[in-house]
Amino acid sequence: TIFKDTIFTNVAATNDGGVFWEGLEKEISDNVEITDWRGNKWTRDSKTPAAHPNSRFCSPATQCPIIDPAWEDPTGVPIDAIIFGGRRPEGVPLIYQARNWQHGVFIGASMKSEATAAAEHK
């Protein structure tokens, strides 16, 4: 999905044309040079993160290999479930099920995500 026509923001760049963020350390060779999101040389021993905590990517849906073939069908596609995800406050369950469609619409419409690093100005 992300190998072409993708916009990355606030990630680190590798000297071989790739991108990097925390968690990919095992996926990248030790001899690849990394430039952090601020434009500074970065190593695994650096005291600052390579990517901003609010780094993102955006790709066209058409590049997703598992998208339903009828995703643009004007009559729609069957929906068995809708899964919402996001940062949640402590005490809110990771997963819960709505009692019916009306309850599900209410839950989705009233959800609030916790603030991200960008909202916290970090």
PDB file of N, CA and C in Angstrom:
ATOM      1  N   THR A   1       0.815  -1.203   0.000  1.00  0.00           N
ATOM      2  CA  THR A   1       0.000   0.000   0.000  1.00  0.00           C
ATOM      3  C   THR A   1       0.852   1.258   0.000  1.00  0.00           C
ATOM      4  N   ILE A   2       1.978   1.240   0.709  1.00  0.00           N
ATOM      5  CA  ILE A   2       2.730   2.484   0.910  1.00  0.00           C
ATOM      6  C   ILE A   2       3.964   2.641   0.026  1.00  0.00           C
ATOM      7  N   PHE A   3       4.169   1.769  -0.946  1.00  0.00           N
ATOM      8  CA  PHE A   3       5.402   1.829  -1.720  1.00  0.00           C
ATOM      9  C   PHE A   3       5.402   2.858  -2.834  1.00  0.00           C
ATOM     10  N   LYS A   4       4.254   3.453  -3.141  1.00  0.00           N
ATOM     11  CA  LYS A   4       4.213   4.518  -4.151  1.00  0.00           C
ATOM     12  C   LYS A   4       3.048   5.451  -3.823  1.00  0.00           C
ATOM     13  N   ASP A   5       3.124   6.660  -4.339  1.00  0.00           N
ATOM     14  CA  ASP A   5       2.053   7.645  -4.183  1.00  0.00           C
ATOM     15  C   ASP A   5       1.602   7.793  -2.736  1.00  0.00           C
ATOM     16  N   THR A   6       2.547   7.806  -1.818  1.00  0.00           N
ATOM     17  CA  THR A   6       2.238   7.926  -0.397  1.00  0.00           C
ATOM     18  C   THR A   6       2.932   9.155   0.167  1.00  0.00           C
ATOM     19  N   ILE A   7       2.220   9.880   1.001  1.00  0.00           N
ATOM     20  CA  ILE A   7       2.782  11.048   1.672  1.00  0.00           C
ATOM     21  C   ILE A   7       3.095  10.659   3.110  1.00  0.00           C
ATOM     22  N   PHE A   8       4.343  10.842   3.512  1.00  0.00           N
ATOM     23  CA  PHE A   8       4.768  10.619   4.892  1.00  0.00           C
ATOM     24  C   PHE A   8       5.043  11.977   5.519  1.00  0.00           C
ATOM     25  N   THR A   9       4.614  12.186   6.749  1.00  0.00           N
ATOM     26  CA  THR A   9       4.909  13.434   7.448  1.00  0.00           C
ATOM     27  C   THR A   9       5.566  13.133   8.786  1.00  0.00           C
ATOM     28  N   ASN A  10       6.607  13.887   9.080  1.00  0.00           N
ATOM     29  CA  ASN A  10       7.309  13.830  10.362  1.00  0.00           C
ATOM     30  C   ASN A  10       7.931  12.474  10.671  1.00  0.00           C
ATOM     31  N   VAL A  11       8.328  11.730   9.633  1.00  0.00           N
ATOM     32  CA  VAL A  11       9.042  10.470   9.824  1.00  0.00           C
ATOM     33  C   VAL A  11      10.523  10.712   9.536  1.00  0.00           C
ATOM     34  N   ALA A  12      11.358   9.762   9.892  1.00  0.00           N
ATOM     35  CA  ALA A  12      12.775   9.837   9.554  1.00  0.00           C
ATOM     36  C   ALA A  12      12.977   9.310   8.136  1.00  0.00           C
ATOM     37  N   ALA A  13      14.053   9.768   7.503  1.00  0.00           N
ATOM     38  CA  ALA A  13      14.380   9.334   6.141  1.00  0.00           C
ATOM     39  C   ALA A  13      15.665   8.512   6.175  1.00  0.00           C
ATOM     40  N   THR A  14      15.731   7.493   5.331  1.00  0.00           N
ATOM     41  CA  THR A  14      16.936   6.677   5.235  1.00  0.00           C
ATOM     42  C   THR A  14      17.691   7.042   3.960  1.00  0.00           C
ATOM     43  N   ASN A  15      19.007   6.816   3.968  1.00  0.00           N
ATOM     44  CA  ASN A  15      19.816   7.198   2.808  1.00  0.00           C
ATOM     45  C   ASN A  15      19.570   6.300   1.597  1.00  0.00           C
ATOM     46  N   ASP A  16      18.794   5.237   1.753  1.00  0.00           N
ATOM     47  CA  ASP A  16      18.459   4.387   0.606  1.00  0.00           C
ATOM     48  C   ASP A  16      17.073   4.709   0.044  1.00  0.00           C
ATOM     49  N   GLY A  17      16.519   5.851   0.464  1.00  0.00           N
ATOM     50  CA  GLY A  17      15.234   6.293  -0.074  1.00  0.00           C
ATOM     51  C   GLY A  17      14.023   5.826   0.707  1.00  0.00           C
ATOM     52  N   GLY A  18      14.231   5.190   1.837  1.00  0.00           N
ATOM     53  CA  GLY A  18      13.115   4.694   2.635  1.00  0.00           C
ATOM     54  C   GLY A  18      12.734   5.634   3.758  1.00  0.00           C
ATOM     55  N   VAL A  19      11.816   5.178   4.573  1.00  0.00           N
ATOM     56  CA  VAL A  19      11.384   5.931   5.746  1.00  0.00           C
ATOM     57  C   VAL A  19      11.575   5.062   6.979  1.00  0.00           C
ATOM     58  N   PHE A  20      11.616   5.716   8.135  1.00  0.00           N
ATOM     59  CA  PHE A  20      11.876   5.010   9.388  1.00  0.00           C
ATOM     60  C   PHE A  20      11.121   5.685  10.512  1.00  0.00           C
ATOM     61  N   TRP A  21      10.646   4.868  11.451  1.00  0.00           N
ATOM     62  CA  TRP A  21      10.096   5.366  12.705  1.00  0.00           C
ATOM     63  C   TRP A  21      10.361   4.314  13.763  1.00  0.00           C
ATOM     64  N   GLU A  22      10.214   4.695  15.012  1.00  0.00           N
ATOM     65  CA  GLU A  22      10.484   3.801  16.120  1.00  0.00           C
ATOM     66  C   GLU A  22       9.644   2.527  15.983  1.00  0.00           C
ATOM     67  N   GLY A  23      10.303   1.402  16.241  1.00  0.00           N
ATOM     68  CA  GLY A  23       9.647   0.113  16.097  1.00  0.00           C
ATOM     69  C   GLY A  23      10.137  -0.650  14.876  1.00  0.00           C
ATOM     70  N   LEU A  24      10.849   0.047  13.983  1.00  0.00           N
ATOM     71  CA  LEU A  24      11.364  -0.603  12.770  1.00  0.00           C
ATOM     72  C   LEU A  24      12.849  -0.951  12.885  1.00  0.00           C
ATOM     73  N   GLU A  25      13.410  -0.855  14.068  1.00  0.00           N
ATOM     74  CA  GLU A  25      14.846  -1.075  14.241  1.00  0.00           C
ATOM     75  C   GLU A  25      15.314  -2.420  13.696  1.00  0.00           C
ATOM     76  N   LYS A  26      14.544  -3.473  13.875  1.00  0.00           N
ATOM     77  CA  LYS A  26      14.948  -4.803  13.402  1.00  0.00           C
ATOM     78  C   LYS A  26      14.777  -4.959  11.897  1.00  0.00           C
ATOM     79  N   GLU A  27      14.049  -4.050  11.277  1.00  0.00           N
ATOM     80  CA  GLU A  27      13.757  -4.137   9.840  1.00  0.00           C
ATOM     81  C   GLU A  27      14.798  -3.431   8.976  1.00  0.00           C
ATOM     82  N   ILE A  28      15.733  -2.728   9.610  1.00  0.00           N
ATOM     83  CA  ILE A  28      16.653  -1.884   8.852  1.00  0.00           C
ATOM     84  C   ILE A  28      18.096  -2.284   9.143  1.00  0.00           C
ATOM     85  N   SER A  29      18.908  -2.281   8.115  1.00  0.00           N
ATOM     86  CA  SER A  29      20.313  -2.666   8.236  1.00  0.00           C
ATOM     87  C   SER A  29      21.079  -1.650   9.085  1.00  0.00           C
ATOM     88  N   ASP A  30      22.093  -2.134   9.799  1.00  0.00           N
ATOM     89  CA  ASP A  30      22.907  -1.251  10.636  1.00  0.00           C
ATOM     90  C   ASP A  30      23.686  -0.220   9.835  1.00  0.00           C
ATOM     91  N   ASN A  31      23.962  -0.500   8.554  1.00  0.00           N
ATOM     92  CA  ASN A  31      24.762   0.446   7.763  1.00  0.00           C
ATOM     93  C   ASN A  31      23.911   1.487   7.029  1.00  0.00           C
ATOM     94  N   VAL A  32      22.612   1.495   7.236  1.00  0.00           N
ATOM     95  CA  VAL A  32      21.750   2.520   6.632  1.00  0.00           C
ATOM     96  C   VAL A  32      21.806   3.769   7.500  1.00  0.00           C
ATOM     97  N   GLU A  33      22.045   4.916   6.861  1.00  0.00           N
ATOM     98  CA  GLU A  33      22.078   6.189   7.585  1.00  0.00           C
ATOM     99  C   GLU A  33      20.667   6.746   7.684  1.00  0.00           C
ATOM    100  N   ILE A  34      20.353   7.307   8.852  1.00  0.00           N
ATOM    101  CA  ILE A  34      19.003   7.815   9.114  1.00  0.00           C
ATOM    102  C   ILE A  34      19.069   9.291   9.468  1.00  0.00           C
ATOM    103  N   THR A  35      18.180  10.060   8.865  1.00  0.00           N
ATOM    104  CA  THR A  35      18.013  11.478   9.185  1.00  0.00           C
ATOM    105  C   THR A  35      16.674  11.623   9.893  1.00  0.00           C
ATOM    106  N   ASP A  36      16.687  12.213  11.093  1.00  0.00           N
ATOM    107  CA  ASP A  36      15.443  12.302  11.853  1.00  0.00           C
ATOM    108  C   ASP A  36      14.478  13.315  11.243  1.00  0.00           C
ATOM    109  N   TRP A  37      13.295  13.421  11.799  1.00  0.00           N
ATOM    110  CA  TRP A  37      12.235  14.269  11.251  1.00  0.00           C
ATOM    111  C   TRP A  37      12.593  15.748  11.287  1.00  0.00           C
ATOM    112  N   ARG A  38      13.619  16.117  12.058  1.00  0.00           N
ATOM    113  CA  ARG A  38      14.070  17.514  12.114  1.00  0.00           C
ATOM    114  C   ARG A  38      15.240  17.789  11.175  1.00  0.00           C
ATOM    115  N   GLY A  39      15.711  16.742  10.477  1.00  0.00           N
ATOM    116  CA  GLY A  39      16.815  16.914   9.539  1.00  0.00           C
ATOM    117  C   GLY A  39      18.185  16.640  10.123  1.00  0.00           C
ATOM    118  N   ASN A  40      18.239  16.082  11.325  1.00  0.00           N
ATOM    119  CA  ASN A  40      19.507  15.782  11.985  1.00  0.00           C
ATOM    120  C   ASN A  40      19.871  14.309  11.812  1.00  0.00           C
ATOM    121  N   LYS A  41      21.195  14.044  11.755  1.00  0.00           N
ATOM    122  CA  LYS A  41      21.651  12.655  11.697  1.00  0.00           C
ATOM    123  C   LYS A  41      21.154  11.935  12.954  1.00  0.00           C
ATOM    124  N   TRP A  42      20.672  10.695  12.773  1.00  0.00           N
ATOM    125  CA  TRP A  42      20.113   9.932  13.889  1.00  0.00           C
ATOM    126  C   TRP A  42      20.718   8.545  13.913  1.00  0.00           C
ATOM    127  N   THR A  43      21.013   8.031  15.106  1.00  0.00           N
ATOM    128  CA  THR A  43      21.480   6.656  15.284  1.00  0.00           C
ATOM    129  C   THR A  43      20.632   5.999  16.367  1.00  0.00           C
ATOM    130  N   ARG A  44      20.780   4.701  16.488  1.00  0.00           N
ATOM    131  CA  ARG A  44      20.033   3.983  17.526  1.00  0.00           C
ATOM    132  C   ARG A  44      20.403   4.461  18.925  1.00  0.00           C
ATOM    133  N   ASP A  45      21.573   5.084  19.060  1.00  0.00           N
ATOM    134  CA  ASP A  45      22.019   5.600  20.356  1.00  0.00           C
ATOM    135  C   ASP A  45      21.556   7.030  20.612  1.00  0.00           C
ATOM    136  N   SER A  46      20.888   7.646  19.660  1.00  0.00           N
ATOM    137  CA  SER A  46      20.425   9.029  19.833  1.00  0.00           C
ATOM    138  C   SER A  46      19.462   9.115  21.012  1.00  0.00           C
ATOM    139  N   LYS A  47      19.487  10.260  21.676  1.00  0.00           N
ATOM    140  CA  LYS A  47      18.626  10.478  22.845  1.00  0.00           C
ATOM    141  C   LYS A  47      17.234  10.978  22.458  1.00  0.00           C
ATOM    142  N   THR A  48      17.051  11.356  21.199  1.00  0.00           N
ATOM    143  CA  THR A  48      15.756  11.856  20.734  1.00  0.00           C
ATOM    144  C   THR A  48      15.150  10.857  19.752  1.00  0.00           C
ATOM    145  N   PRO A  49      13.833  10.853  19.607  1.00  0.00           N
ATOM    146  CA  PRO A  49      13.213   9.927  18.649  1.00  0.00           C
ATOM    147  C   PRO A  49      13.509  10.315  17.208  1.00  0.00           C
ATOM    148  N   ALA A  50      13.553   9.329  16.334  1.00  0.00           N
ATOM    149  CA  ALA A  50      13.790   9.587  14.906  1.00  0.00           C
ATOM    150  C   ALA A  50      12.570  10.227  14.265  1.00  0.00           C
ATOM    151  N   ALA A  51      11.392   9.777  14.652  1.00  0.00           N
ATOM    152  CA  ALA A  51      10.143  10.288  14.082  1.00  0.00           C
ATOM    153  C   ALA A  51       9.356  11.025  15.160  1.00  0.00           C
ATOM    154  N   HIS A  52       8.601  12.019  14.747  1.00  0.00           N
ATOM    155  CA  HIS A  52       7.729  12.742  15.672  1.00  0.00           C
ATOM    156  C   HIS A  52       6.654  11.780  16.181  1.00  0.00           C
ATOM    157  N   PRO A  53       6.222  11.911  17.436  1.00  0.00           N
ATOM    158  CA  PRO A  53       5.180  11.011  17.948  1.00  0.00           C
ATOM    159  C   PRO A  53       3.869  11.081  17.166  1.00  0.00           C
ATOM    160  N   ASN A  54       3.664  12.154  16.426  1.00  0.00           N
ATOM    161  CA  ASN A  54       2.429  12.305  15.655  1.00  0.00           C
ATOM    162  C   ASN A  54       2.685  12.142  14.154  1.00  0.00           C
ATOM    163  N   SER A  55       3.719  11.375  13.792  1.00  0.00           N
ATOM    164  CA  SER A  55       4.000  11.155  12.370  1.00  0.00           C
ATOM    165  C   SER A  55       2.871  10.346  11.739  1.00  0.00           C
ATOM    166  N   ARG A  56       2.690  10.549  10.441  1.00  0.00           N
ATOM    167  CA  ARG A  56       1.560   9.928   9.738  1.00  0.00           C
ATOM    168  C   ARG A  56       1.959   9.555   8.315  1.00  0.00           C
ATOM    169  N   PHE A  57       1.084   8.767   7.663  1.00  0.00           N
ATOM    170  CA  PHE A  57       1.202   8.541   6.232  1.00  0.00           C
ATOM    171  C   PHE A  57      -0.194   8.527   5.637  1.00  0.00           C
ATOM    172  N   CYS A  58      -0.262   8.822   4.349  1.00  0.00           N
ATOM    173  CA  CYS A  58      -1.539   8.838   3.639  1.00  0.00           C
ATOM    174  C   CYS A  58      -1.325   8.219   2.264  1.00  0.00           C
ATOM    175  N   SER A  59      -2.119   7.208   1.936  1.00  0.00           N
ATOM    176  CA  SER A  59      -2.042   6.513   0.646  1.00  0.00           C
ATOM    177  C   SER A  59      -3.430   6.415   0.033  1.00  0.00           C
ATOM    178  N   PRO A  60      -3.499   6.374  -1.293  1.00  0.00           N
ATOM    179  CA  PRO A  60      -4.806   6.182  -1.937  1.00  0.00           C
ATOM    180  C   PRO A  60      -5.402   4.818  -1.584  1.00  0.00           C
ATOM    181  N   ALA A  61      -6.699   4.776  -1.373  1.00  0.00           N
ATOM    182  CA  ALA A  61      -7.375   3.514  -1.058  1.00  0.00           C
ATOM    183  C   ALA A  61      -7.178   2.492  -2.170  1.00  0.00           C
ATOM    184  N   THR A  62      -7.035   2.955  -3.401  1.00  0.00           N
ATOM    185  CA  THR A  62      -6.874   2.033  -4.537  1.00  0.00           C
ATOM    186  C   THR A  62      -5.617   1.180  -4.410  1.00  0.00           C
ATOM    187  N   GLN A  63      -4.657   1.589  -3.599  1.00  0.00           N
ATOM    188  CA  GLN A  63      -3.419   0.839  -3.423  1.00  0.00           C
ATOM    189  C   GLN A  63      -3.519  -0.238  -2.348  1.00  0.00           C
ATOM    190  N   CYS A  64      -4.609  -0.305  -1.637  1.00  0.00           N
ATOM    191  CA  CYS A  64      -4.761  -1.302  -0.574  1.00  0.00           C
ATOM    192  C   CYS A  64      -5.046  -2.669  -1.193  1.00  0.00           C
ATOM    193  N   PRO A  65      -4.170  -3.646  -0.966  1.00  0.00           N
ATOM    194  CA  PRO A  65      -4.336  -4.941  -1.634  1.00  0.00           C
ATOM    195  C   PRO A  65      -5.541  -5.750  -1.155  1.00  0.00           C
ATOM    196  N   ILE A  66      -6.127  -5.409  -0.021  1.00  0.00           N
ATOM    197  CA  ILE A  66      -7.253  -6.198   0.487  1.00  0.00           C
ATOM    198  C   ILE A  66      -8.583  -5.455   0.422  1.00  0.00           C
ATOM    199  N   ILE A  67      -8.631  -4.351  -0.313  1.00  0.00           N
ATOM    200  CA  ILE A  67      -9.883  -3.601  -0.414  1.00  0.00           C
ATOM    201  C   ILE A  67     -10.916  -4.415  -1.203  1.00  0.00           C
ATOM    202  N   ASP A  68     -12.161  -4.301  -0.831  1.00  0.00           N
ATOM    203  CA  ASP A  68     -13.222  -5.048  -1.516  1.00  0.00           C
ATOM    204  C   ASP A  68     -13.300  -4.607  -2.971  1.00  0.00           C
ATOM    205  N   PRO A  69     -13.400  -5.531  -3.921  1.00  0.00           N
ATOM    206  CA  PRO A  69     -13.480  -5.154  -5.337  1.00  0.00           C
ATOM    207  C   PRO A  69     -14.663  -4.233  -5.648  1.00  0.00           C
ATOM    208  N   ALA A  70     -15.691  -4.279  -4.838  1.00  0.00           N
ATOM    209  CA  ALA A  70     -16.882  -3.451  -5.082  1.00  0.00           C
ATOM    210  C   ALA A  70     -16.881  -2.180  -4.233  1.00  0.00           C
ATOM    211  N   TRP A  71     -15.705  -1.749  -3.775  1.00  0.00           N
ATOM    212  CA  TRP A  71     -15.652  -0.623  -2.843  1.00  0.00           C
ATOM    213  C   TRP A  71     -16.222   0.673  -3.407  1.00  0.00           C
ATOM    214  N   GLU A  72     -16.250   0.832  -4.723  1.00  0.00           N
ATOM    215  CA  GLU A  72     -16.846   2.034  -5.323  1.00  0.00           C
ATOM    216  C   GLU A  72     -18.205   1.753  -5.967  1.00  0.00           C
ATOM    217  N   ASP A  73     -18.764   0.597  -5.732  1.00  0.00           N
ATOM    218  CA  ASP A  73     -20.070   0.241  -6.281  1.00  0.00           C
ATOM    219  C   ASP A  73     -21.130   1.181  -5.701  1.00  0.00           C
ATOM    220  N   PRO A  74     -21.925   1.842  -6.541  1.00  0.00           N
ATOM    221  CA  PRO A  74     -22.920   2.786  -6.028  1.00  0.00           C
ATOM    222  C   PRO A  74     -23.980   2.134  -5.142  1.00  0.00           C
ATOM    223  N   THR A  75     -24.140   0.822  -5.246  1.00  0.00           N
ATOM    224  CA  THR A  75     -25.108   0.149  -4.370  1.00  0.00           C
ATOM    225  C   THR A  75     -24.480  -0.261  -3.044  1.00  0.00           C
ATOM    226  N   GLY A  76     -23.176  -0.041  -2.908  1.00  0.00           N
ATOM    227  CA  GLY A  76     -22.496  -0.328  -1.653  1.00  0.00           C
ATOM    228  C   GLY A  76     -22.023  -1.760  -1.534  1.00  0.00           C
ATOM    229  N   VAL A  77     -21.474  -2.057  -0.387  1.00  0.00           N
ATOM    230  CA  VAL A  77     -21.006  -3.401  -0.065  1.00  0.00           C
ATOM    231  C   VAL A  77     -21.661  -3.827   1.249  1.00  0.00           C
ATOM    232  N   PRO A  78     -21.838  -5.124   1.455  1.00  0.00           N
ATOM    233  CA  PRO A  78     -22.439  -5.571   2.722  1.00  0.00           C
ATOM    234  C   PRO A  78     -21.562  -5.180   3.913  1.00  0.00           C
ATOM    235  N   ILE A  79     -22.184  -4.737   4.977  1.00  0.00           N
ATOM    236  CA  ILE A  79     -21.456  -4.380   6.196  1.00  0.00           C
ATOM    237  C   ILE A  79     -21.929  -5.291   7.323  1.00  0.00           C
ATOM    238  N   ASP A  80     -20.995  -6.012   7.902  1.00  0.00           N
ATOM    239  CA  ASP A  80     -21.303  -6.865   9.046  1.00  0.00           C
ATOM    240  C   ASP A  80     -20.859  -6.232  10.358  1.00  0.00           C
ATOM    241  N   ALA A  81     -19.892  -5.331  10.281  1.00  0.00           N
ATOM    242  CA  ALA A  81     -19.378  -4.706  11.499  1.00  0.00           C
ATOM    243  C   ALA A  81     -18.686  -3.401  11.141  1.00  0.00           C
ATOM    244  N   ILE A  82     -18.671  -2.497  12.078  1.00  0.00           N
ATOM    245  CA  ILE A  82     -17.896  -1.262  11.966  1.00  0.00           C
ATOM    246  C   ILE A  82     -17.021  -1.207  13.209  1.00  0.00           C
ATOM    247  N   ILE A  83     -15.731  -1.056  13.000  1.00  0.00           N
ATOM    248  CA  ILE A  83     -14.790  -1.025  14.109  1.00  0.00           C
ATOM    249  C   ILE A  83     -14.184   0.370  14.178  1.00  0.00           C
ATOM    250  N   PHE A  84     -14.314   1.017  15.319  1.00  0.00           N
ATOM    251  CA  PHE A  84     -13.712   2.324  15.547  1.00  0.00           C
ATOM    252  C   PHE A  84     -12.455   2.125  16.375  1.00  0.00           C
ATOM    253  N   GLY A  85     -11.430   2.889  16.083  1.00  0.00           N
ATOM    254  CA  GLY A  85     -10.211   2.811  16.867  1.00  0.00           C
ATOM    255  C   GLY A  85      -9.684   4.198  17.163  1.00  0.00           C
ATOM    256  N   GLY A  86      -8.933   4.310  18.213  1.00  0.00           N
ATOM    257  CA  GLY A  86      -8.342   5.592  18.567  1.00  0.00           C
ATOM    258  C   GLY A  86      -7.815   5.553  19.987  1.00  0.00           C
ATOM    259  N   ARG A  87      -7.210   6.645  20.389  1.00  0.00           N
ATOM    260  CA  ARG A  87      -6.744   6.750  21.769  1.00  0.00           C
ATOM    261  C   ARG A  87      -7.965   6.846  22.670  1.00  0.00           C
ATOM    262  N   ARG A  88      -7.898   6.175  23.791  1.00  0.00           N
ATOM    263  CA  ARG A  88      -9.045   6.187  24.688  1.00  0.00           C
ATOM    264  C   ARG A  88      -8.587   6.478  26.109  1.00  0.00           C
ATOM    265  N   PRO A  89      -9.453   7.083  26.903  1.00  0.00           N
ATOM    266  CA  PRO A  89      -9.079   7.355  28.294  1.00  0.00           C
ATOM    267  C   PRO A  89      -9.005   6.064  29.107  1.00  0.00           C
ATOM    268  N   GLU A  90      -8.290   6.118  30.198  1.00  0.00           N
ATOM    269  CA  GLU A  90      -8.182   4.964  31.076  1.00  0.00           C
ATOM    270  C   GLU A  90      -9.580   4.578  31.559  1.00  0.00           C
ATOM    271  N   GLY A  91      -9.838   3.297  31.598  1.00  0.00           N
ATOM    272  CA  GLY A  91     -11.135   2.820  32.063  1.00  0.00           C
ATOM    273  C   GLY A  91     -12.123   2.526  30.950  1.00  0.00           C
ATOM    274  N   VAL A  92     -11.841   2.985  29.734  1.00  0.00           N
ATOM    275  CA  VAL A  92     -12.723   2.699  28.600  1.00  0.00           C
ATOM    276  C   VAL A  92     -12.251   1.392  27.973  1.00  0.00           C
ATOM    277  N   PRO A  93     -13.140   0.417  27.805  1.00  0.00           N
ATOM    278  CA  PRO A  93     -12.713  -0.871  27.243  1.00  0.00           C
ATOM    279  C   PRO A  93     -12.138  -0.724  25.834  1.00  0.00           C
ATOM    280  N   LEU A  94     -11.183  -1.578  25.515  1.00  0.00           N
ATOM    281  CA  LEU A  94     -10.593  -1.580  24.179  1.00  0.00           C
ATOM    282  C   LEU A  94     -11.643  -1.962  23.141  1.00  0.00           C
ATOM    283  N   ILE A  95     -12.483  -2.929  23.464  1.00  0.00           N
ATOM    284  CA  ILE A  95     -13.517  -3.399  22.536  1.00  0.00           C
ATOM    285  C   ILE A  95     -14.831  -3.551  23.293  1.00  0.00           C
ATOM    286  N   TYR A  96     -15.909  -3.075  22.693  1.00  0.00           N
ATOM    287  CA  TYR A  96     -17.249  -3.364  23.205  1.00  0.00           C
ATOM    288  C   TYR A  96     -18.221  -3.367  22.045  1.00  0.00           C
ATOM    289  N   GLN A  97     -19.340  -4.014  22.237  1.00  0.00           N
ATOM    290  CA  GLN A  97     -20.294  -4.238  21.154  1.00  0.00           C
ATOM    291  C   GLN A  97     -21.573  -3.449  21.399  1.00  0.00           C
ATOM    292  N   ALA A  98     -22.064  -2.822  20.327  1.00  0.00           N
ATOM    293  CA  ALA A  98     -23.347  -2.117  20.411  1.00  0.00           C
ATOM    294  C   ALA A  98     -24.487  -3.133  20.460  1.00  0.00           C
ATOM    295  N   ARG A  99     -25.595  -2.734  21.069  1.00  0.00           N
ATOM    296  CA  ARG A  99     -26.760  -3.624  21.188  1.00  0.00           C
ATOM    297  C   ARG A  99     -27.515  -3.763  19.871  1.00  0.00           C
ATOM    298  N   ASN A 100     -27.469  -2.709  19.036  1.00  0.00           N
ATOM    299  CA  ASN A 100     -28.175  -2.724  17.750  1.00  0.00           C
ATOM    300  C   ASN A 100     -27.594  -1.605  16.885  1.00  0.00           C
ATOM    301  N   TRP A 101     -28.117  -1.440  15.643  1.00  0.00           N
ATOM    302  CA  TRP A 101     -27.584  -0.426  14.729  1.00  0.00           C
ATOM    303  C   TRP A 101     -27.762   0.981  15.286  1.00  0.00           C
ATOM    304  N   GLN A 102     -28.902   1.262  15.875  1.00  0.00           N
ATOM    305  CA  GLN A 102     -29.138   2.595  16.418  1.00  0.00           C
ATOM    306  C   GLN A 102     -28.141   2.904  17.538  1.00  0.00           C
ATOM    307  N   HIS A 103     -27.933   1.929  18.407  1.00  0.00           N
ATOM    308  CA  HIS A 103     -26.966   2.101  19.484  1.00  0.00           C
ATOM    309  C   HIS A 103     -25.558   2.277  18.911  1.00  0.00           C
ATOM    310  N   GLY A 104     -25.234   1.524  17.862  1.00  0.00           N
ATOM    311  CA  GLY A 104     -23.928   1.647  17.223  1.00  0.00           C
ATOM    312  C   GLY A 104     -23.699   3.017  16.616  1.00  0.00           C
ATOM    313  N   VAL A 105     -24.723   3.561  15.965  1.00  0.00           N
ATOM    314  CA  VAL A 105     -24.616   4.913  15.402  1.00  0.00           C
ATOM    315  C   VAL A 105     -24.408   5.920  16.530  1.00  0.00           C
ATOM    316  N   PHE A 106     -25.138   5.760  17.623  1.00  0.00           N
ATOM    317  CA  PHE A 106     -24.979   6.658  18.767  1.00  0.00           C
ATOM    318  C   PHE A 106     -23.559   6.583  19.327  1.00  0.00           C
ATOM    319  N   ILE A 107     -23.045   5.369  19.508  1.00  0.00           N
ATOM    320  CA  ILE A 107     -21.686   5.205  20.030  1.00  0.00           C
ATOM    321  C   ILE A 107     -20.678   5.880  19.100  1.00  0.00           C
ATOM    322  N   GLY A 108     -20.774   5.600  17.807  1.00  0.00           N
ATOM    323  CA  GLY A 108     -19.838   6.192  16.852  1.00  0.00           C
ATOM    324  C   GLY A 108     -19.915   7.707  16.817  1.00  0.00           C
ATOM    325  N   ALA A 109     -21.119   8.247  16.898  1.00  0.00           N
ATOM    326  CA  ALA A 109     -21.294   9.701  16.830  1.00  0.00           C
ATOM    327  C   ALA A 109     -20.834  10.402  18.100  1.00  0.00           C
ATOM    328  N   SER A 110     -20.793   9.681  19.204  1.00  0.00           N
ATOM    329  CA  SER A 110     -20.443  10.328  20.470  1.00  0.00           C
ATOM    330  C   SER A 110     -19.036   9.998  20.952  1.00  0.00           C
ATOM    331  N   MET A 111     -18.272   9.273  20.145  1.00  0.00           N
ATOM    332  CA  MET A 111     -16.905   8.929  20.548  1.00  0.00           C
ATOM    333  C   MET A 111     -16.005  10.148  20.498  1.00  0.00           C
ATOM    334  N   LYS A 112     -15.007  10.150  21.366  1.00  0.00           N
ATOM    335  CA  LYS A 112     -13.995  11.198  21.381  1.00  0.00           C
ATOM    336  C   LYS A 112     -12.648  10.515  21.563  1.00  0.00           C
ATOM    337  N   SER A 113     -11.693  10.910  20.761  1.00  0.00           N
ATOM    338  CA  SER A 113     -10.355  10.355  20.870  1.00  0.00           C
ATOM    339  C   SER A 113      -9.530  11.216  21.812  1.00  0.00           C
ATOM    340  N   GLU A 114      -8.652  10.592  22.547  1.00  0.00           N
ATOM    341  CA  GLU A 114      -7.733  11.328  23.403  1.00  0.00           C
ATOM    342  C   GLU A 114      -6.822  12.211  22.547  1.00  0.00           C
ATOM    343  N   ALA A 115      -6.298  13.254  23.125  1.00  0.00           N
ATOM    344  CA  ALA A 115      -5.418  14.181  22.411  1.00  0.00           C
ATOM    345  C   ALA A 115      -4.154  13.474  21.938  1.00  0.00           C
ATOM    346  N   THR A 116      -3.664  13.869  20.769  1.00  0.00           N
ATOM    347  CA  THR A 116      -2.421  13.320  20.225  1.00  0.00           C
ATOM    348  C   THR A 116      -1.265  14.235  20.585  1.00  0.00           C
ATOM    349  N   ALA A 117      -0.066  13.820  20.210  1.00  0.00           N
ATOM    350  CA  ALA A 117       1.117  14.642  20.457  1.00  0.00           C
ATOM    351  C   ALA A 117       0.990  15.998  19.776  1.00  0.00           C
ATOM    352  N   ALA A 118       0.343  16.047  18.620  1.00  0.00           N
ATOM    353  CA  ALA A 118       0.177  17.319  17.913  1.00  0.00           C
ATOM    354  C   ALA A 118      -0.715  18.258  18.706  1.00  0.00           C
ATOM    355  N   ALA A 119      -1.778  17.742  19.274  1.00  0.00           N
ATOM    356  CA  ALA A 119      -2.689  18.574  20.052  1.00  0.00           C
ATOM    357  C   ALA A 119      -2.040  19.046  21.343  1.00  0.00           C
ATOM    358  N   GLU A 120      -1.081  18.284  21.820  1.00  0.00           N
ATOM    359  CA  GLU A 120      -0.374  18.645  23.046  1.00  0.00           C
ATOM    360  C   GLU A 120       0.823  19.541  22.756  1.00  0.00           C
ATOM    361  N   HIS A 121       1.027  19.906  21.483  1.00  0.00           N
ATOM    362  CA  HIS A 121       2.123  20.787  21.037  1.00  0.00           C
ATOM    363  C   HIS A 121       3.488  20.221  21.402  1.00  0.00           C
ATOM    364  N   LYS A 122       3.659  18.918  21.187  1.00  0.00           N
ATOM    365  CA  LYS A 122       4.947  18.281  21.495  1.00  0.00           C
ATOM    366  C   LYS A 122       5.635  17.881  20.216  1.00  0.00           C
TER     367      LYS A 122
END
